[in-house]
């Protein structure tokens, strides 16, 4: 708690948020994205990826980015092809390359995931703004991306069935994903936290994903 407070009240945070200190060619590499707020999701500002790298250099141990508005209940293909996927690819790849060039890739784990997957089949939603096909929420399977932090590049763990609807082999859990992140942060397996009654609770509730390191 004290470390977090020290970061929030230090000049390092103010400097980290000031991306004007970065050379223009670095800012251009990350791109701009779409800074508009869509109401039900965060702005897709690609400069936030650059801020994340600067926050890590300032001493932040965990940085969260919200690259929002993926809910394509209609017009899924145009949105993904023309805006979301190109923008996300530019911001994420710039961050990973930047961390590597600065020698931070072994110490910084980059994890990208959503709160759930999307239906393996597309269909037209009643009442949608357009009649173009979309996808709905889908909790049975999704993809999580890991880079850096000692992760072995190019590794693929598990697979879905042919339609991308359900796990086929080596299925993982959210608890395993959390354990993988805890391990990257250097948290010991025996770590516990205590509630208001001093009762101990385990931090780990799963196993780090085998095959990533």
Protein backbone atom coordinates (compact mmCIF):
# COMPACT_ATOMS: atom_id res chain seq x y z
CA UNK A 1 0.00 0.00 0.00
CA UNK A 2 2.81 2.37 0.85
CA UNK A 3 4.57 1.64 -2.45
CA UNK A 4 1.37 2.38 -4.39
CA UNK A 5 0.84 5.62 -2.45
CA UNK A 6 4.43 6.69 -3.07
CA UNK A 7 3.99 6.19 -6.82
CA UNK A 8 0.69 8.09 -6.94
CA UNK A 9 2.14 11.07 -5.10
CA UNK A 10 5.51 11.20 -6.82
CA UNK A 11 6.65 13.34 -9.71
CA UNK A 12 7.49 10.12 -11.57
CA UNK A 13 3.78 9.52 -12.20
CA UNK A 14 3.23 12.99 -13.63
CA UNK A 15 6.23 12.57 -15.89
CA UNK A 16 5.10 9.10 -16.99
CA UNK A 17 1.71 10.43 -18.09
CA UNK A 18 3.34 13.19 -20.15
CA UNK A 19 3.96 11.49 -23.49
CA UNK A 20 5.17 14.78 -24.99
CA UNK A 21 8.52 13.76 -23.49
CA UNK A 22 8.70 10.95 -26.05
CA UNK A 23 10.24 11.50 -29.49
CA UNK A 24 7.64 11.95 -32.20
CA UNK A 25 8.77 8.84 -34.09
CA UNK A 26 8.04 6.72 -30.98
CA UNK A 27 4.58 8.22 -30.61
CA UNK A 28 3.93 7.65 -34.32
CA UNK A 29 4.90 4.01 -33.94
CA UNK A 30 2.10 3.48 -31.42
CA UNK A 31 -0.41 5.47 -33.46
CA UNK A 32 -3.46 7.39 -32.33
CA UNK A 33 -6.36 4.95 -32.62
CA UNK A 34 -9.80 6.35 -31.90
CA UNK A 35 -9.99 8.47 -28.71
CA UNK A 36 -13.78 8.81 -28.82
CA UNK A 37 -15.79 7.37 -25.95
CA UNK A 38 -18.54 5.04 -27.15
CA UNK A 39 -20.54 5.04 -23.92
CA UNK A 40 -20.30 1.32 -23.15
CA UNK A 41 -16.57 1.00 -23.60
CA UNK A 42 -13.32 2.88 -23.10
CA UNK A 43 -11.80 5.04 -25.83
CA UNK A 44 -9.47 3.12 -28.14
CA UNK A 45 -6.53 5.46 -27.61
CA UNK A 46 -3.36 3.74 -28.81
CA UNK A 47 -1.20 6.25 -26.93
CA UNK A 48 -2.34 4.45 -23.76
CA UNK A 49 -0.03 1.59 -24.76
CA UNK A 50 2.85 4.07 -24.70
CA UNK A 51 1.71 5.39 -21.32
CA UNK A 52 1.75 1.80 -20.02
CA UNK A 53 5.42 1.41 -20.93
CA UNK A 54 6.23 4.73 -19.27
CA UNK A 55 4.33 3.74 -16.11
CA UNK A 56 6.33 0.52 -15.88
CA UNK A 57 9.55 2.50 -16.15
CA UNK A 58 8.26 4.81 -13.39
CA UNK A 59 7.91 1.85 -11.03
CA UNK A 60 4.33 0.60 -11.46
CA UNK A 61 4.12 -3.15 -10.95
CA UNK A 62 0.70 -3.62 -12.60
CA UNK A 63 -0.80 -1.50 -15.40
CA UNK A 64 -4.26 -2.14 -16.85
CA UNK A 65 -5.44 -0.90 -20.26
CA UNK A 66 -9.07 -0.99 -21.36
CA UNK A 67 -9.22 -1.22 -25.15
CA UNK A 68 -12.97 -1.12 -25.36
CA UNK A 69 -16.03 -1.51 -27.55
CA UNK A 70 -15.64 -5.01 -28.99
CA UNK A 71 -19.34 -5.84 -28.70
CA UNK A 72 -20.20 -6.32 -32.36
CA UNK A 73 -23.73 -7.63 -32.12
CA UNK A 74 -24.07 -6.45 -35.70
CA UNK A 75 -21.68 -5.61 -38.54
CA UNK A 76 -18.99 -7.78 -36.97
CA UNK A 77 -16.77 -8.19 -40.01
CA UNK A 78 -16.47 -4.55 -41.05
CA UNK A 79 -15.77 -3.38 -37.52
CA UNK A 80 -13.15 -5.99 -36.80
CA UNK A 81 -11.37 -5.65 -40.15
CA UNK A 82 -11.44 -1.87 -40.54
CA UNK A 83 -10.96 -0.52 -37.01
CA UNK A 84 -10.52 -2.80 -34.01
CA UNK A 85 -8.07 -5.44 -35.18
CA UNK A 86 -5.69 -3.08 -37.07
CA UNK A 87 -5.66 -0.62 -34.18
CA UNK A 88 -5.15 -3.26 -31.51
CA UNK A 89 -2.41 -4.92 -33.58
CA UNK A 90 -0.56 -1.61 -33.95
CA UNK A 91 -0.72 -0.67 -30.28
CA UNK A 92 0.10 -4.11 -28.88
CA UNK A 93 2.92 -4.86 -31.31
CA UNK A 94 4.45 -1.43 -30.68
CA UNK A 95 4.40 -2.05 -26.93
CA UNK A 96 6.01 -5.48 -27.20
CA UNK A 97 8.69 -4.26 -29.61
CA UNK A 98 9.38 -1.21 -27.44
CA UNK A 99 9.78 -3.31 -24.30
CA UNK A 100 12.13 -5.68 -26.16
CA UNK A 101 14.29 -2.86 -27.52
CA UNK A 102 14.60 -1.34 -24.04
CA UNK A 103 15.58 -4.67 -22.48
CA UNK A 104 12.38 -4.84 -20.43
CA UNK A 105 10.76 -7.84 -22.09
CA UNK A 106 12.15 -10.38 -19.60
CA UNK A 107 10.86 -8.35 -16.64
CA UNK A 108 7.48 -7.25 -18.01
CA UNK A 109 4.66 -9.67 -18.78
CA UNK A 110 2.06 -8.48 -21.28
CA UNK A 111 -1.32 -10.23 -21.04
CA UNK A 112 -4.27 -9.49 -23.33
CA UNK A 113 -7.71 -10.99 -22.88
CA UNK A 114 -11.41 -10.17 -22.80
CA UNK A 115 -14.03 -10.96 -20.21
CA UNK A 116 -15.40 -13.76 -22.41
CA UNK A 117 -15.34 -15.10 -25.95
CA UNK A 118 -17.77 -14.61 -28.81
CA UNK A 119 -20.25 -17.02 -30.36
CA UNK A 120 -18.65 -19.31 -32.94
CA UNK A 121 -21.54 -18.64 -35.31
CA UNK A 122 -22.65 -15.27 -36.63
CA UNK A 123 -26.29 -14.27 -36.95
CA UNK A 124 -28.53 -11.25 -37.30
CA UNK A 125 -29.78 -9.85 -34.02
CA UNK A 126 -33.42 -8.72 -33.71
CA UNK A 127 -33.57 -4.98 -33.20
CA UNK A 128 -29.94 -4.37 -34.19
CA UNK A 129 -29.05 -1.06 -35.83
CA UNK A 130 -28.06 -2.88 -39.00
CA UNK A 131 -29.04 -6.25 -40.43
CA UNK A 132 -25.41 -7.20 -40.95
CA UNK A 133 -24.36 -10.34 -39.05
CA UNK A 134 -22.87 -10.10 -35.57
CA UNK A 135 -21.75 -12.22 -32.62
CA UNK A 136 -22.97 -12.55 -29.06
CA UNK A 137 -21.26 -13.17 -25.70
CA UNK A 138 -19.80 -16.66 -25.27
CA UNK A 139 -18.29 -17.97 -22.05
CA UNK A 140 -17.33 -21.48 -23.12
CA UNK A 141 -14.02 -20.63 -24.79
CA UNK A 142 -11.80 -17.63 -25.45
CA UNK A 143 -8.21 -16.78 -26.31
CA UNK A 144 -5.62 -15.21 -24.00
CA UNK A 145 -2.35 -13.72 -25.25
CA UNK A 146 0.90 -13.74 -23.21
CA UNK A 147 4.21 -12.08 -24.13
CA UNK A 148 7.37 -11.21 -22.21
CA UNK A 149 7.91 -11.98 -18.55
CA UNK A 150 9.84 -15.14 -19.37
CA UNK A 151 7.13 -16.55 -21.65
CA UNK A 152 8.40 -18.68 -24.52
CA UNK A 153 7.46 -16.97 -27.78
CA UNK A 154 5.32 -18.82 -30.30
CA UNK A 155 3.90 -21.32 -27.84
CA UNK A 156 0.26 -22.40 -28.24
CA UNK A 157 -1.43 -24.07 -25.26
CA UNK A 158 -4.68 -25.92 -25.78
CA UNK A 159 -7.11 -25.89 -28.67
CA UNK A 160 -10.80 -25.50 -29.31
CA UNK A 161 -13.06 -27.70 -31.38
CA UNK A 162 -13.44 -27.12 -35.11
CA UNK A 163 -16.00 -24.33 -34.70
CA UNK A 164 -14.22 -22.50 -31.87
CA UNK A 165 -17.14 -23.24 -29.58
CA UNK A 166 -15.69 -25.40 -26.80
CA UNK A 167 -12.26 -26.50 -25.52
CA UNK A 168 -10.93 -29.60 -27.24
CA UNK A 169 -7.69 -30.25 -25.36
CA UNK A 170 -5.57 -28.85 -22.52
CA UNK A 171 -8.30 -26.50 -21.35
CA UNK A 172 -7.20 -23.80 -18.90
CA UNK A 173 -9.13 -21.84 -16.29
CA UNK A 174 -9.20 -18.20 -15.13
CA UNK A 175 -7.53 -19.40 -11.93
CA UNK A 176 -4.65 -20.85 -13.96
CA UNK A 177 -4.30 -17.61 -15.88
CA UNK A 178 -4.17 -15.66 -12.61
CA UNK A 179 -1.59 -18.08 -11.21
CA UNK A 180 0.55 -17.53 -14.31
CA UNK A 181 0.47 -13.78 -13.74
CA UNK A 182 1.23 -14.18 -10.02
CA UNK A 183 4.23 -16.31 -10.90
CA UNK A 184 5.47 -13.67 -13.36
CA UNK A 185 5.13 -11.06 -10.60
CA UNK A 186 7.32 -13.22 -8.36
CA UNK A 187 4.60 -13.96 -5.79
CA UNK A 188 5.41 -17.09 -3.73
CA UNK A 189 3.01 -20.01 -3.90
CA UNK A 190 2.43 -19.99 -0.14
CA UNK A 191 1.33 -16.33 -0.12
CA UNK A 192 -1.89 -15.56 1.77
CA UNK A 193 -3.92 -12.45 2.51
CA UNK A 194 -5.83 -11.87 5.73
CA UNK A 195 -9.35 -10.51 6.08
CA UNK A 196 -10.69 -8.25 8.82
CA UNK A 197 -10.84 -11.22 11.21
CA UNK A 198 -7.21 -12.21 10.47
CA UNK A 199 -8.32 -15.33 8.63
CA UNK A 200 -5.78 -16.40 5.99
CA UNK A 201 -6.86 -16.84 2.35
CA UNK A 202 -4.73 -18.36 -0.37
CA UNK A 203 -3.76 -16.12 -3.28
CA UNK A 204 -3.19 -19.01 -5.69
CA UNK A 205 -6.29 -20.97 -6.69
CA UNK A 206 -4.83 -22.64 -9.77
CA UNK A 207 -1.60 -23.75 -11.39
CA UNK A 208 0.61 -21.64 -13.67
CA UNK A 209 -0.02 -22.66 -17.26
CA UNK A 210 2.51 -25.28 -18.29
CA UNK A 211 4.19 -24.82 -21.66
CA UNK A 212 4.48 -21.02 -21.54
CA UNK A 213 7.97 -20.94 -20.04
